[in-house]
Protein backbone atom coordinates (compact mmCIF):
# COMPACT_ATOMS: atom_id res chain seq x y z
CA MET A 1 -39.40 -7.78 3.24
CA LEU A 2 -36.56 -5.53 2.51
CA LEU A 3 -33.00 -6.89 1.51
CA TYR A 4 -30.19 -4.34 1.66
CA VAL A 5 -26.96 -5.50 0.03
CA MET A 6 -23.91 -3.47 0.90
CA LYS A 7 -20.97 -3.48 -1.42
CA TRP A 8 -17.67 -2.46 0.02
CA GLU A 9 -14.93 -1.28 -2.31
CA LEU A 10 -11.10 -0.79 -1.53
CA ILE A 11 -9.98 2.60 -2.63
CA MET A 12 -6.24 2.96 -2.76
CA GLN A 13 -4.59 6.38 -3.54
CA TYR A 14 -1.49 7.05 -5.26
CA GLN A 15 0.52 10.30 -6.07
CA VAL A 16 0.88 11.35 -9.69
CA PHE A 17 3.64 13.49 -10.69
CA VAL A 18 2.57 15.60 -13.45
CA LYS A 19 4.76 17.95 -15.58
CA SER A 20 4.08 20.38 -18.60
CA TYR A 21 6.56 19.17 -21.18
CA THR A 22 5.62 21.33 -23.97
CA GLU A 23 2.83 23.72 -24.81
CA ASN A 24 0.45 21.06 -25.61
CA LYS A 25 1.85 18.00 -24.10
CA PHE A 26 1.88 16.85 -20.17
CA ILE A 27 3.68 13.94 -18.88
CA ALA A 28 2.13 12.00 -15.76
CA SER A 29 4.04 9.30 -13.67
CA ILE A 30 2.63 7.25 -10.70
CA ILE A 31 5.27 7.48 -8.09
CA GLY A 32 6.64 4.20 -7.09
CA ILE A 33 5.16 2.42 -9.90
CA PRO A 34 7.36 1.14 -12.67
CA ASP A 35 6.30 1.67 -16.24
CA SER A 36 3.39 4.14 -15.31
CA THR A 37 4.53 7.28 -17.29
CA VAL A 38 1.83 8.51 -19.89
CA GLU A 39 1.58 11.65 -22.04
CA GLY A 40 -1.57 13.69 -22.60
CA ALA A 41 -2.45 16.81 -24.25
CA THR A 42 -3.79 18.32 -21.18
CA LYS A 43 -3.16 18.00 -17.61
CA GLU A 44 -6.51 15.99 -16.94
CA GLU A 45 -5.97 13.57 -19.92
CA ALA A 46 -2.57 12.67 -18.72
CA ILE A 47 -3.87 12.06 -15.19
CA ALA A 48 -6.84 9.93 -16.64
CA LEU A 49 -4.18 8.09 -18.84
CA ALA A 50 -2.13 7.18 -15.73
CA LYS A 51 -4.99 6.02 -13.79
CA ALA A 52 -6.01 3.86 -16.67
CA ALA A 53 -2.41 2.56 -16.80
CA LEU A 54 -2.35 1.76 -13.20
CA GLU A 55 -5.71 -0.10 -13.33
CA LYS A 56 -4.54 -2.12 -16.10
CA GLN A 57 -1.29 -3.12 -14.20
CA LEU A 58 -3.25 -4.01 -11.14
CA ALA A 59 -5.49 -6.25 -13.05
CA SER A 60 -2.84 -8.65 -14.02
CA GLY A 61 -0.88 -8.21 -10.62
CA GLU A 62 -0.91 -7.07 -7.17
CA ILE A 63 0.75 -4.87 -4.58
CA VAL A 64 1.92 -6.59 -1.40
CA THR A 65 3.48 -5.50 1.89
CA ILE A 66 6.65 -7.21 3.07
CA ASP A 67 8.48 -7.20 6.28
CA VAL A 68 12.39 -6.97 6.02
CA GLY A 69 14.73 -7.69 8.82
CA LYS A 70 15.38 -10.29 11.59
CA GLU A 71 12.44 -11.76 13.41
CA ARG A 72 12.95 -11.54 17.21
CA SER A 73 11.57 -14.01 19.71
CA GLN A 74 9.10 -12.56 22.64
CA GLN A 75 12.02 -13.42 24.85
CA GLU A 76 14.26 -11.06 23.12
CA THR A 77 11.83 -8.11 23.04
CA ASP A 78 10.77 -8.56 26.60
CA PRO A 79 13.60 -8.88 29.12
CA TRP A 80 11.25 -9.59 32.06
CA LEU A 81 9.57 -12.66 30.36
CA LYS A 82 12.74 -14.82 31.69
CA HIS A 83 11.92 -14.01 35.11
CA MET A 84 8.08 -14.98 34.98
CA SER A 85 8.87 -18.72 35.72
CA ILE A 86 10.16 -18.00 39.16
CA PHE A 87 6.62 -17.45 40.20
CA ALA A 88 5.16 -20.70 39.23
CA LEU A 89 7.33 -22.20 42.14
CA LEU A 90 5.76 -20.15 44.87
CA PRO A 91 2.88 -21.59 46.72
CA ASN A 92 -0.88 -20.09 46.28
CA ILE A 93 -1.27 -17.46 48.82
């Protein structure tokens, strides 16, 4: 008997801004994430350090999505709904 176990992993992508600061220094910042600016001797090292910093931050917290604005009832969003009850008074044809 064979048993297959599938592991699903959520992979998130982030944009990283990398800038050459001096001849042997690169700065990398993850866009939209506070306190995620790191320095490395090479571009690749700076990116790797930025990834490690983000993983450390995500290990102690999480990113959530929120909705902002007034919630509207279905009656407000669909003007035809207020007329639907008139059909309940009609006899079955």
